Amino acid sequence: MARIDEIREKIKLRTEAFRLLWVTVLTVGGGSMGLLLGEITLRRWLFGLAGAGLAVASAEMLRRVYRSIEREIQNLREAQSE
């Protein structure tokens, strides 16, 4: 029973991380697009491209967290069937 509770807590933690990363991708990506679509200056392009890179990195982490949540759900199903 302790194993099932441990898996549930991992799922809760990773779900919160998933939500945080999703908000990060949306806000940083949107802000970066706003910078890139505005007036053309070196500073705006620099910050816009840095933000776009951060959004891409956050999206990759989002994908990895999603996969780990799927694995933990599968582990929970297996533990409950035992």
PDB file of N, CA and C in Angstrom:
ATOM      1  N   MET A   1       0.814  -1.191   0.000  1.00  0.00           N
ATOM      2  CA  MET A   1       0.000   0.000   0.000  1.00  0.00           C
ATOM      3  C   MET A   1       0.864   1.264   0.000  1.00  0.00           C
ATOM      4  N   ALA A   2       2.020   1.188   0.642  1.00  0.00           N
ATOM      5  CA  ALA A   2       2.911   2.344   0.693  1.00  0.00           C
ATOM      6  C   ALA A   2       3.448   2.659  -0.701  1.00  0.00           C
ATOM      7  N   ARG A   3       3.659   1.617  -1.503  1.00  0.00           N
ATOM      8  CA  ARG A   3       4.148   1.823  -2.872  1.00  0.00           C
ATOM      9  C   ARG A   3       3.117   2.579  -3.706  1.00  0.00           C
ATOM     10  N   ILE A   4       1.849   2.257  -3.536  1.00  0.00           N
ATOM     11  CA  ILE A   4       0.786   2.928  -4.287  1.00  0.00           C
ATOM     12  C   ILE A   4       0.719   4.403  -3.890  1.00  0.00           C
ATOM     13  N   ASP A   5       0.833   4.674  -2.584  1.00  0.00           N
ATOM     14  CA  ASP A   5       0.821   6.075  -2.126  1.00  0.00           C
ATOM     15  C   ASP A   5       2.019   6.839  -2.653  1.00  0.00           C
ATOM     16  N   GLU A   6       3.161   6.185  -2.707  1.00  0.00           N
ATOM     17  CA  GLU A   6       4.366   6.822  -3.239  1.00  0.00           C
ATOM     18  C   GLU A   6       4.193   7.171  -4.718  1.00  0.00           C
ATOM     19  N   ILE A   7       3.623   6.259  -5.478  1.00  0.00           N
ATOM     20  CA  ILE A   7       3.391   6.512  -6.906  1.00  0.00           C
ATOM     21  C   ILE A   7       2.392   7.647  -7.092  1.00  0.00           C
ATOM     22  N   ARG A   8       1.348   7.675  -6.282  1.00  0.00           N
ATOM     23  CA  ARG A   8       0.352   8.760  -6.370  1.00  0.00           C
ATOM     24  C   ARG A   8       0.985  10.120  -6.086  1.00  0.00           C
ATOM     25  N   GLU A   9       1.875  10.180  -5.099  1.00  0.00           N
ATOM     26  CA  GLU A   9       2.541  11.442  -4.777  1.00  0.00           C
ATOM     27  C   GLU A   9       3.459  11.876  -5.923  1.00  0.00           C
ATOM     28  N   LYS A  10       4.128  10.928  -6.556  1.00  0.00           N
ATOM     29  CA  LYS A  10       4.965  11.261  -7.710  1.00  0.00           C
ATOM     30  C   LYS A  10       4.120  11.826  -8.847  1.00  0.00           C
ATOM     31  N   ILE A  11       2.958  11.233  -9.060  1.00  0.00           N
ATOM     32  CA  ILE A  11       2.068  11.716 -10.123  1.00  0.00           C
ATOM     33  C   ILE A  11       1.602  13.135  -9.805  1.00  0.00           C
ATOM     34  N   LYS A  12       1.247  13.404  -8.541  1.00  0.00           N
ATOM     35  CA  LYS A  12       0.814  14.745  -8.154  1.00  0.00           C
ATOM     36  C   LYS A  12       1.926  15.767  -8.366  1.00  0.00           C
ATOM     37  N   LEU A  13       3.139  15.424  -7.951  1.00  0.00           N
ATOM     38  CA  LEU A  13       4.273  16.333  -8.093  1.00  0.00           C
ATOM     39  C   LEU A  13       4.558  16.624  -9.564  1.00  0.00           C
ATOM     40  N   ARG A  14       4.572  15.592 -10.370  1.00  0.00           N
ATOM     41  CA  ARG A  14       4.875  15.779 -11.789  1.00  0.00           C
ATOM     42  C   ARG A  14       3.747  16.497 -12.522  1.00  0.00           C
ATOM     43  N   THR A  15       2.519  16.333 -12.062  1.00  0.00           N
ATOM     44  CA  THR A  15       1.407  17.072 -12.657  1.00  0.00           C
ATOM     45  C   THR A  15       1.545  18.565 -12.377  1.00  0.00           C
ATOM     46  N   GLU A  16       1.966  18.912 -11.186  1.00  0.00           N
ATOM     47  CA  GLU A  16       2.204  20.324 -10.872  1.00  0.00           C
ATOM     48  C   GLU A  16       3.347  20.882 -11.714  1.00  0.00           C
ATOM     49  N   ALA A  17       4.405  20.105 -11.894  1.00  0.00           N
ATOM     50  CA  ALA A  17       5.512  20.539 -12.751  1.00  0.00           C
ATOM     51  C   ALA A  17       5.035  20.716 -14.187  1.00  0.00           C
ATOM     52  N   PHE A  18       4.161  19.820 -14.640  1.00  0.00           N
ATOM     53  CA  PHE A  18       3.603  19.910 -15.990  1.00  0.00           C
ATOM     54  C   PHE A  18       2.834  21.214 -16.164  1.00  0.00           C
ATOM     55  N   ARG A  19       2.008  21.549 -15.194  1.00  0.00           N
ATOM     56  CA  ARG A  19       1.233  22.803 -15.260  1.00  0.00           C
ATOM     57  C   ARG A  19       2.155  24.017 -15.306  1.00  0.00           C
ATOM     58  N   LEU A  20       3.173  24.019 -14.454  1.00  0.00           N
ATOM     59  CA  LEU A  20       4.104  25.139 -14.413  1.00  0.00           C
ATOM     60  C   LEU A  20       4.846  25.283 -15.739  1.00  0.00           C
ATOM     61  N   LEU A  21       5.307  24.188 -16.293  1.00  0.00           N
ATOM     62  CA  LEU A  21       6.008  24.243 -17.573  1.00  0.00           C
ATOM     63  C   LEU A  21       5.088  24.684 -18.700  1.00  0.00           C
ATOM     64  N   TRP A  22       3.838  24.264 -18.666  1.00  0.00           N
ATOM     65  CA  TRP A  22       2.890  24.663 -19.706  1.00  0.00           C
ATOM     66  C   TRP A  22       2.681  26.173 -19.680  1.00  0.00           C
ATOM     67  N   VAL A  23       2.517  26.733 -18.495  1.00  0.00           N
ATOM     68  CA  VAL A  23       2.363  28.178 -18.357  1.00  0.00           C
ATOM     69  C   VAL A  23       3.643  28.890 -18.811  1.00  0.00           C
ATOM     70  N   THR A  24       4.790  28.321 -18.496  1.00  0.00           N
ATOM     71  CA  THR A  24       6.061  28.913 -18.914  1.00  0.00           C
ATOM     72  C   THR A  24       6.171  28.956 -20.430  1.00  0.00           C
ATOM     73  N   VAL A  25       5.829  27.856 -21.083  1.00  0.00           N
ATOM     74  CA  VAL A  25       5.900  27.818 -22.546  1.00  0.00           C
ATOM     75  C   VAL A  25       4.979  28.873 -23.148  1.00  0.00           C
ATOM     76  N   LEU A  26       3.771  28.984 -22.638  1.00  0.00           N
ATOM     77  CA  LEU A  26       2.820  29.951 -23.183  1.00  0.00           C
ATOM     78  C   LEU A  26       3.264  31.392 -22.950  1.00  0.00           C
ATOM     79  N   THR A  27       3.683  31.717 -21.745  1.00  0.00           N
ATOM     80  CA  THR A  27       4.022  33.101 -21.440  1.00  0.00           C
ATOM     81  C   THR A  27       5.332  33.526 -22.085  1.00  0.00           C
ATOM     82  N   VAL A  28       6.354  32.706 -21.974  1.00  0.00           N
ATOM     83  CA  VAL A  28       7.650  33.068 -22.563  1.00  0.00           C
ATOM     84  C   VAL A  28       7.555  33.053 -24.083  1.00  0.00           C
ATOM     85  N   GLY A  29       6.876  32.066 -24.628  1.00  0.00           N
ATOM     86  CA  GLY A  29       6.709  32.008 -26.082  1.00  0.00           C
ATOM     87  C   GLY A  29       5.927  33.189 -26.620  1.00  0.00           C
ATOM     88  N   GLY A  30       4.855  33.558 -25.925  1.00  0.00           N
ATOM     89  CA  GLY A  30       4.060  34.710 -26.347  1.00  0.00           C
ATOM     90  C   GLY A  30       4.831  36.009 -26.238  1.00  0.00           C
ATOM     91  N   GLY A  31       5.559  36.179 -25.154  1.00  0.00           N
ATOM     92  CA  GLY A  31       6.370  37.382 -24.992  1.00  0.00           C
ATOM     93  C   GLY A  31       7.471  37.478 -26.036  1.00  0.00           C
ATOM     94  N   SER A  32       8.068  36.337 -26.346  1.00  0.00           N
ATOM     95  CA  SER A  32       9.124  36.320 -27.362  1.00  0.00           C
ATOM     96  C   SER A  32       8.578  36.676 -28.730  1.00  0.00           C
ATOM     97  N   MET A  33       7.407  36.156 -29.044  1.00  0.00           N
ATOM     98  CA  MET A  33       6.807  36.488 -30.343  1.00  0.00           C
ATOM     99  C   MET A  33       6.463  37.973 -30.403  1.00  0.00           C
ATOM    100  N   GLY A  34       6.011  38.529 -29.297  1.00  0.00           N
ATOM    101  CA  GLY A  34       5.731  39.957 -29.254  1.00  0.00           C
ATOM    102  C   GLY A  34       6.980  40.789 -29.504  1.00  0.00           C
ATOM    103  N   LEU A  35       8.102  40.346 -28.933  1.00  0.00           N
ATOM    104  CA  LEU A  35       9.362  41.055 -29.169  1.00  0.00           C
ATOM    105  C   LEU A  35       9.815  40.926 -30.620  1.00  0.00           C
ATOM    106  N   LEU A  36       9.678  39.724 -31.169  1.00  0.00           N
ATOM    107  CA  LEU A  36      10.161  39.497 -32.533  1.00  0.00           C
ATOM    108  C   LEU A  36       9.280  40.166 -33.587  1.00  0.00           C
ATOM    109  N   LEU A  37       8.015  40.362 -33.285  1.00  0.00           N
ATOM    110  CA  LEU A  37       7.111  40.959 -34.268  1.00  0.00           C
ATOM    111  C   LEU A  37       7.040  42.483 -34.173  1.00  0.00           C
ATOM    112  N   GLY A  38       7.692  43.049 -33.163  1.00  0.00           N
ATOM    113  CA  GLY A  38       7.657  44.493 -32.983  1.00  0.00           C
ATOM    114  C   GLY A  38       8.730  45.185 -33.810  1.00  0.00           C
ATOM    115  N   GLU A  39       9.070  46.356 -33.357  1.00  0.00           N
ATOM    116  CA  GLU A  39      10.104  47.162 -34.011  1.00  0.00           C
ATOM    117  C   GLU A  39      11.423  46.390 -34.070  1.00  0.00           C
ATOM    118  N   ILE A  40      12.138  46.530 -35.151  1.00  0.00           N
ATOM    119  CA  ILE A  40      13.377  45.766 -35.339  1.00  0.00           C
ATOM    120  C   ILE A  40      14.551  46.531 -34.738  1.00  0.00           C
ATOM    121  N   THR A  41      14.992  46.042 -33.571  1.00  0.00           N
ATOM    122  CA  THR A  41      16.219  46.550 -32.950  1.00  0.00           C
ATOM    123  C   THR A  41      17.025  45.341 -32.492  1.00  0.00           C
ATOM    124  N   LEU A  42      18.299  45.547 -32.318  1.00  0.00           N
ATOM    125  CA  LEU A  42      19.172  44.446 -31.907  1.00  0.00           C
ATOM    126  C   LEU A  42      18.761  43.875 -30.551  1.00  0.00           C
ATOM    127  N   ARG A  43      18.458  44.758 -29.609  1.00  0.00           N
ATOM    128  CA  ARG A  43      18.088  44.307 -28.266  1.00  0.00           C
ATOM    129  C   ARG A  43      16.806  43.468 -28.291  1.00  0.00           C
ATOM    130  N   ARG A  44      15.799  43.915 -29.033  1.00  0.00           N
ATOM    131  CA  ARG A  44      14.538  43.166 -29.119  1.00  0.00           C
ATOM    132  C   ARG A  44      14.766  41.802 -29.747  1.00  0.00           C
ATOM    133  N   TRP A  45      15.533  41.741 -30.813  1.00  0.00           N
ATOM    134  CA  TRP A  45      15.811  40.456 -31.466  1.00  0.00           C
ATOM    135  C   TRP A  45      16.601  39.536 -30.550  1.00  0.00           C
ATOM    136  N   LEU A  46      17.560  40.101 -29.818  1.00  0.00           N
ATOM    137  CA  LEU A  46      18.365  39.293 -28.911  1.00  0.00           C
ATOM    138  C   LEU A  46      17.501  38.671 -27.815  1.00  0.00           C
ATOM    139  N   PHE A  47      16.677  39.511 -27.163  1.00  0.00           N
ATOM    140  CA  PHE A  47      15.800  38.994 -26.114  1.00  0.00           C
ATOM    141  C   PHE A  47      14.721  38.075 -26.686  1.00  0.00           C
ATOM    142  N   GLY A  48      14.232  38.395 -27.856  1.00  0.00           N
ATOM    143  CA  GLY A  48      13.212  37.552 -28.490  1.00  0.00           C
ATOM    144  C   GLY A  48      13.730  36.172 -28.834  1.00  0.00           C
ATOM    145  N   LEU A  49      14.928  36.129 -29.385  1.00  0.00           N
ATOM    146  CA  LEU A  49      15.516  34.824 -29.724  1.00  0.00           C
ATOM    147  C   LEU A  49      15.900  34.033 -28.470  1.00  0.00           C
ATOM    148  N   ALA A  50      16.383  34.733 -27.452  1.00  0.00           N
ATOM    149  CA  ALA A  50      16.689  34.046 -26.185  1.00  0.00           C
ATOM    150  C   ALA A  50      15.414  33.469 -25.577  1.00  0.00           C
ATOM    151  N   GLY A  51      14.342  34.235 -25.615  1.00  0.00           N
ATOM    152  CA  GLY A  51      13.057  33.754 -25.097  1.00  0.00           C
ATOM    153  C   GLY A  51      12.518  32.589 -25.900  1.00  0.00           C
ATOM    154  N   ALA A  52      12.681  32.652 -27.230  1.00  0.00           N
ATOM    155  CA  ALA A  52      12.223  31.547 -28.076  1.00  0.00           C
ATOM    156  C   ALA A  52      13.011  30.278 -27.757  1.00  0.00           C
ATOM    157  N   GLY A  53      14.311  30.421 -27.521  1.00  0.00           N
ATOM    158  CA  GLY A  53      15.124  29.263 -27.133  1.00  0.00           C
ATOM    159  C   GLY A  53      14.681  28.686 -25.801  1.00  0.00           C
ATOM    160  N   LEU A  54      14.368  29.560 -24.864  1.00  0.00           N
ATOM    161  CA  LEU A  54      13.873  29.113 -23.563  1.00  0.00           C
ATOM    162  C   LEU A  54      12.527  28.413 -23.695  1.00  0.00           C
ATOM    163  N   ALA A  55      11.674  28.917 -24.566  1.00  0.00           N
ATOM    164  CA  ALA A  55      10.366  28.288 -24.787  1.00  0.00           C
ATOM    165  C   ALA A  55      10.525  26.900 -25.392  1.00  0.00           C
ATOM    166  N   VAL A  56      11.469  26.755 -26.324  1.00  0.00           N
ATOM    167  CA  VAL A  56      11.714  25.441 -26.928  1.00  0.00           C
ATOM    168  C   VAL A  56      12.269  24.468 -25.887  1.00  0.00           C
ATOM    169  N   ALA A  57      13.193  24.934 -25.056  1.00  0.00           N
ATOM    170  CA  ALA A  57      13.741  24.070 -24.003  1.00  0.00           C
ATOM    171  C   ALA A  57      12.649  23.675 -23.006  1.00  0.00           C
ATOM    172  N   SER A  58      11.789  24.614 -22.656  1.00  0.00           N
ATOM    173  CA  SER A  58      10.685  24.310 -21.735  1.00  0.00           C
ATOM    174  C   SER A  58       9.702  23.327 -22.354  1.00  0.00           C
ATOM    175  N   ALA A  59       9.481  23.456 -23.659  1.00  0.00           N
ATOM    176  CA  ALA A  59       8.576  22.522 -24.340  1.00  0.00           C
ATOM    177  C   ALA A  59       9.149  21.112 -24.326  1.00  0.00           C
ATOM    178  N   GLU A  60      10.459  20.976 -24.472  1.00  0.00           N
ATOM    179  CA  GLU A  60      11.081  19.648 -24.402  1.00  0.00           C
ATOM    180  C   GLU A  60      10.949  19.076 -22.994  1.00  0.00           C
ATOM    181  N   MET A  61      11.159  19.888 -21.981  1.00  0.00           N
ATOM    182  CA  MET A  61      10.980  19.418 -20.608  1.00  0.00           C
ATOM    183  C   MET A  61       9.526  19.039 -20.364  1.00  0.00           C
ATOM    184  N   LEU A  62       8.605  19.790 -20.948  1.00  0.00           N
ATOM    185  CA  LEU A  62       7.183  19.489 -20.837  1.00  0.00           C
ATOM    186  C   LEU A  62       6.882  18.113 -21.408  1.00  0.00           C
ATOM    187  N   ARG A  63       7.473  17.809 -22.558  1.00  0.00           N
ATOM    188  CA  ARG A  63       7.277  16.501 -23.175  1.00  0.00           C
ATOM    189  C   ARG A  63       7.811  15.384 -22.275  1.00  0.00           C
ATOM    190  N   ARG A  64       8.977  15.617 -21.688  1.00  0.00           N
ATOM    191  CA  ARG A  64       9.571  14.596 -20.818  1.00  0.00           C
ATOM    192  C   ARG A  64       8.757  14.370 -19.549  1.00  0.00           C
ATOM    193  N   VAL A  65       8.251  15.440 -18.970  1.00  0.00           N
ATOM    194  CA  VAL A  65       7.416  15.312 -17.768  1.00  0.00           C
ATOM    195  C   VAL A  65       6.139  14.558 -18.104  1.00  0.00           C
ATOM    196  N   TYR A  66       5.554  14.863 -19.255  1.00  0.00           N
ATOM    197  CA  TYR A  66       4.332  14.170 -19.682  1.00  0.00           C
ATOM    198  C   TYR A  66       4.593  12.666 -19.816  1.00  0.00           C
ATOM    199  N   ARG A  67       5.705  12.307 -20.426  1.00  0.00           N
ATOM    200  CA  ARG A  67       6.048  10.883 -20.569  1.00  0.00           C
ATOM    201  C   ARG A  67       6.253  10.222 -19.206  1.00  0.00           C
ATOM    202  N   SER A  68       6.885  10.934 -18.275  1.00  0.00           N
ATOM    203  CA  SER A  68       7.102  10.344 -16.955  1.00  0.00           C
ATOM    204  C   SER A  68       5.782  10.171 -16.204  1.00  0.00           C
ATOM    205  N   ILE A  69       4.843  11.085 -16.403  1.00  0.00           N
ATOM    206  CA  ILE A  69       3.519  10.936 -15.789  1.00  0.00           C
ATOM    207  C   ILE A  69       2.828   9.700 -16.358  1.00  0.00           C
ATOM    208  N   GLU A  70       2.924   9.512 -17.658  1.00  0.00           N
ATOM    209  CA  GLU A  70       2.327   8.315 -18.273  1.00  0.00           C
ATOM    210  C   GLU A  70       2.933   7.041 -17.701  1.00  0.00           C
ATOM    211  N   ARG A  71       4.258   7.024 -17.529  1.00  0.00           N
ATOM    212  CA  ARG A  71       4.919   5.837 -16.954  1.00  0.00           C
ATOM    213  C   ARG A  71       4.450   5.582 -15.535  1.00  0.00           C
ATOM    214  N   GLU A  72       4.326   6.643 -14.731  1.00  0.00           N
ATOM    215  CA  GLU A  72       3.896   6.466 -13.344  1.00  0.00           C
ATOM    216  C   GLU A  72       2.444   5.992 -13.267  1.00  0.00           C
ATOM    217  N   ILE A  73       1.612   6.457 -14.162  1.00  0.00           N
ATOM    218  CA  ILE A  73       0.225   5.971 -14.193  1.00  0.00           C
ATOM    219  C   ILE A  73       0.200   4.487 -14.532  1.00  0.00           C
ATOM    220  N   GLN A  74       1.039   4.072 -15.466  1.00  0.00           N
ATOM    221  CA  GLN A  74       1.135   2.649 -15.803  1.00  0.00           C
ATOM    222  C   GLN A  74       1.635   1.847 -14.603  1.00  0.00           C
ATOM    223  N   ASN A  75       2.633   2.389 -13.892  1.00  0.00           N
ATOM    224  CA  ASN A  75       3.134   1.720 -12.684  1.00  0.00           C
ATOM    225  C   ASN A  75       2.042   1.612 -11.630  1.00  0.00           C
ATOM    226  N   LEU A  76       1.227   2.640 -11.492  1.00  0.00           N
ATOM    227  CA  LEU A  76       0.132   2.623 -10.527  1.00  0.00           C
ATOM    228  C   LEU A  76      -0.884   1.554 -10.886  1.00  0.00           C
ATOM    229  N   ARG A  77      -1.219   1.444 -12.147  1.00  0.00           N
ATOM    230  CA  ARG A  77      -2.161   0.398 -12.576  1.00  0.00           C
ATOM    231  C   ARG A  77      -1.615  -0.991 -12.292  1.00  0.00           C
ATOM    232  N   GLU A  78      -0.320  -1.178 -12.549  1.00  0.00           N
ATOM    233  CA  GLU A  78       0.292  -2.482 -12.278  1.00  0.00           C
ATOM    234  C   GLU A  78       0.305  -2.782 -10.786  1.00  0.00           C
ATOM    235  N   ALA A  79       0.617  -1.762  -9.975  1.00  0.00           N
ATOM    236  CA  ALA A  79       0.661  -1.961  -8.515  1.00  0.00           C
ATOM    237  C   ALA A  79      -0.718  -2.251  -7.950  1.00  0.00           C
ATOM    238  N   GLN A  80      -1.742  -1.636  -8.510  1.00  0.00           N
ATOM    239  CA  GLN A  80      -3.103  -1.882  -8.025  1.00  0.00           C
ATOM    240  C   GLN A  80      -3.624  -3.252  -8.439  1.00  0.00           C
ATOM    241  N   SER A  81      -3.130  -3.770  -9.538  1.00  0.00           N
ATOM    242  CA  SER A  81      -3.602  -5.081  -9.990  1.00  0.00           C
ATOM    243  C   SER A  81      -2.923  -6.223  -9.253  1.00  0.00           C
ATOM    244  N   GLU A  82      -1.832  -5.946  -8.553  1.00  0.00           N
ATOM    245  CA  GLU A  82      -1.111  -7.005  -7.807  1.00  0.00           C
ATOM    246  C   GLU A  82      -1.825  -7.402  -6.561  1.00  0.00           C
TER     247      GLU A  82
END
